[in-house]
């Protein structure tokens, strides 16, 4: 099943140092979970959110996804604000973050952003991930390792951190 993100907030229009218009847009995962009653929407407090800058005209002279679309309204989902994609975290080349309050600097090696595309198409989506991260100035140095998820079966974790059959 493909993943979706919804637009949940946006800032007023701002301008960057090159006088390009942008908004800071917040996206949230729109996940579903399997229950005894079938698939149901995952509660919003269990879904990741991230904010990104969306440009009216980016450096390729194209409008970024999220700039003109409305904020998602669950009472009228047909109005828009729903995108195929996911909020993705990856290990990237190390970079510095300067704390705005005290000026301290720390090194980080992970980055998270929204990536638009069909998550069911693993190879093309991973290509979209690398492209999105590159567009944000980060080079992906590792891809996710898919692990089998066992829903509904209790798993006991031993003292050494390995799973033990229940």
Protein backbone atom coordinates (compact mmCIF):
# COMPACT_ATOMS: atom_id res chain seq x y z
CA UNK A 1 0.00 0.00 0.00
CA UNK A 2 1.40 3.39 -1.00
CA UNK A 3 2.16 5.97 1.68
CA UNK A 4 0.67 9.45 1.76
CA UNK A 5 1.50 12.74 3.42
CA UNK A 6 -0.89 15.59 4.09
CA UNK A 7 -0.27 19.32 4.29
CA UNK A 8 -1.24 20.41 7.81
CA UNK A 9 0.14 23.98 8.09
CA UNK A 10 1.90 26.74 6.19
CA UNK A 11 3.58 30.02 7.08
CA UNK A 12 2.88 33.37 5.45
CA UNK A 13 4.92 34.05 2.30
CA UNK A 14 8.57 34.95 3.06
CA UNK A 15 11.53 35.89 0.85
CA UNK A 16 15.00 34.35 0.85
CA UNK A 17 18.25 36.29 0.28
CA UNK A 18 17.71 35.99 -3.50
CA UNK A 19 14.22 37.57 -3.22
CA UNK A 20 12.47 34.27 -4.05
CA UNK A 21 9.07 33.71 -2.42
CA UNK A 22 8.67 30.65 -0.19
CA UNK A 23 6.47 29.27 2.58
CA UNK A 24 7.45 26.93 5.37
CA UNK A 25 5.00 24.04 4.96
CA UNK A 26 4.39 21.30 7.52
CA UNK A 27 3.61 17.81 6.23
CA UNK A 28 2.40 14.84 8.26
CA UNK A 29 2.31 11.15 7.46
CA UNK A 30 -1.18 9.87 6.70
CA UNK A 31 -0.74 6.30 7.81
CA UNK A 32 -3.10 3.42 8.28
CA UNK A 33 -2.94 0.54 10.69
CA UNK A 34 -4.36 -2.96 10.60
CA UNK A 35 -6.93 -3.66 13.32
CA UNK A 36 -9.42 -6.47 13.94
CA UNK A 37 -11.95 -4.18 12.19
CA UNK A 38 -9.77 -3.63 9.09
CA UNK A 39 -7.58 -0.69 8.05
CA UNK A 40 -8.14 2.52 10.01
CA UNK A 41 -6.32 5.87 9.94
CA UNK A 42 -3.42 6.04 12.37
CA UNK A 43 -3.92 8.70 15.10
CA UNK A 44 -2.13 11.93 14.21
CA UNK A 45 -0.04 11.82 17.39
CA UNK A 46 1.52 8.58 16.07
CA UNK A 47 2.48 10.06 12.70
CA UNK A 48 5.72 11.91 11.91
CA UNK A 49 5.70 15.56 10.88
CA UNK A 50 8.32 17.70 9.21
CA UNK A 51 8.47 21.26 7.93
CA UNK A 52 10.14 22.21 4.65
CA UNK A 53 10.48 25.39 2.63
CA UNK A 54 8.37 25.27 -0.55
CA UNK A 55 9.21 27.82 -3.23
CA UNK A 56 6.88 29.58 -5.62
CA UNK A 57 9.68 29.20 -8.19
CA UNK A 58 12.61 27.00 -7.16
CA UNK A 59 16.06 27.19 -8.76
CA UNK A 60 14.70 25.14 -11.71
CA UNK A 61 11.95 27.79 -12.18
CA UNK A 62 9.30 25.27 -11.10
CA UNK A 63 6.78 25.51 -8.28
CA UNK A 64 7.52 23.16 -5.38
CA UNK A 65 4.83 20.67 -4.35
CA UNK A 66 3.00 22.12 -1.36
CA UNK A 67 3.24 25.79 -2.40
CA UNK A 68 -0.22 26.20 -3.93
CA UNK A 69 -2.13 23.22 -2.55
CA UNK A 70 -4.60 23.82 0.28
CA UNK A 71 -4.13 22.63 3.84
CA UNK A 72 -5.75 19.20 4.13
CA UNK A 73 -9.31 19.30 5.43
CA UNK A 74 -10.56 15.90 6.64
CA UNK A 75 -14.14 17.10 6.14
CA UNK A 76 -13.40 17.73 2.45
CA UNK A 77 -10.45 15.53 1.41
CA UNK A 78 -11.25 16.01 -2.29
CA UNK A 79 -10.18 19.68 -1.96
CA UNK A 80 -6.52 18.59 -1.89
CA UNK A 81 -3.55 18.75 0.37
CA UNK A 82 -2.83 15.00 -0.01
CA UNK A 83 0.39 13.81 -1.65
CA UNK A 84 1.79 10.39 -2.44
CA UNK A 85 5.10 10.08 -0.58
CA UNK A 86 6.59 9.77 2.89
CA UNK A 87 8.65 11.53 5.54
CA UNK A 88 12.08 9.96 5.27
CA UNK A 89 15.17 9.93 7.52
CA UNK A 90 18.56 8.85 6.21
CA UNK A 91 22.17 8.83 7.29
CA UNK A 92 24.00 11.58 5.41
CA UNK A 93 27.48 13.07 5.29
CA UNK A 94 28.12 14.79 8.61
CA UNK A 95 27.22 18.48 8.84
CA UNK A 96 27.08 21.19 11.52
CA UNK A 97 24.06 22.75 13.20
CA UNK A 98 24.53 26.03 15.03
CA UNK A 99 22.22 26.59 18.02
CA UNK A 100 20.43 29.93 17.50
CA UNK A 101 20.17 30.54 21.24
CA UNK A 102 23.74 30.03 22.47
CA UNK A 103 25.77 29.70 19.25
CA UNK A 104 27.04 26.24 20.15
CA UNK A 105 27.85 23.93 17.23
CA UNK A 106 27.08 20.23 17.01
CA UNK A 107 27.80 17.63 14.36
CA UNK A 108 24.91 15.54 13.02
CA UNK A 109 24.80 12.76 10.47
CA UNK A 110 21.06 12.23 9.88
CA UNK A 111 18.56 14.32 7.96
CA UNK A 112 14.79 14.11 7.56
CA UNK A 113 12.53 15.57 4.88
CA UNK A 114 9.36 14.88 2.93
CA UNK A 115 9.81 12.93 -0.32
CA UNK A 116 7.08 12.85 -2.94
CA UNK A 117 6.59 9.72 -5.04
CA UNK A 118 5.16 6.22 -5.17
CA UNK A 119 6.51 4.39 -2.12
CA UNK A 120 5.42 1.04 -3.60
CA UNK A 121 8.05 1.38 -6.33
CA UNK A 122 11.11 0.79 -4.13
CA UNK A 123 13.87 1.56 -6.65
CA UNK A 124 12.27 4.68 -8.12
CA UNK A 125 11.28 5.94 -4.65
CA UNK A 126 14.84 5.47 -3.36
CA UNK A 127 16.01 7.47 -6.38
CA UNK A 128 13.49 10.19 -5.43
CA UNK A 129 14.85 10.10 -1.84
CA UNK A 130 18.42 10.66 -3.03
CA UNK A 131 17.29 13.45 -5.35
CA UNK A 132 15.25 15.18 -2.60
CA UNK A 133 18.15 14.98 -0.14
CA UNK A 134 20.61 16.25 -2.78
CA UNK A 135 18.22 19.16 -3.43
CA UNK A 136 18.40 20.01 0.29
CA UNK A 137 22.21 19.91 0.22
CA UNK A 138 22.74 16.45 1.73
CA UNK A 139 24.28 13.30 0.28
CA UNK A 140 22.69 10.03 1.39
CA UNK A 141 25.34 7.57 2.57
CA UNK A 142 23.10 4.66 3.57
CA UNK A 143 19.76 3.28 2.46
CA UNK A 144 17.26 1.68 4.80
CA UNK A 145 17.41 -2.00 5.56
CA UNK A 146 13.98 -3.55 5.29
CA UNK A 147 13.09 -5.68 8.27
CA UNK A 148 10.17 -8.03 8.51
CA UNK A 149 7.45 -6.74 10.80
CA UNK A 150 5.34 -9.25 12.65
CA UNK A 151 2.00 -7.65 13.62
CA UNK A 152 -0.07 -9.15 16.39
CA UNK A 153 2.54 -11.66 17.56
CA UNK A 154 4.08 -10.79 20.92
CA UNK A 155 7.86 -10.69 20.89
CA UNK A 156 9.86 -10.98 24.06
CA UNK A 157 13.22 -9.22 24.20
CA UNK A 158 15.99 -10.92 26.17
CA UNK A 159 18.54 -9.22 28.40
CA UNK A 160 21.07 -9.26 25.56
CA UNK A 161 18.65 -7.36 23.27
CA UNK A 162 17.76 -10.30 21.04
CA UNK A 163 14.21 -11.53 20.58
CA UNK A 164 13.07 -14.67 22.37
CA UNK A 165 10.09 -16.73 21.20
CA UNK A 166 7.12 -16.13 23.50
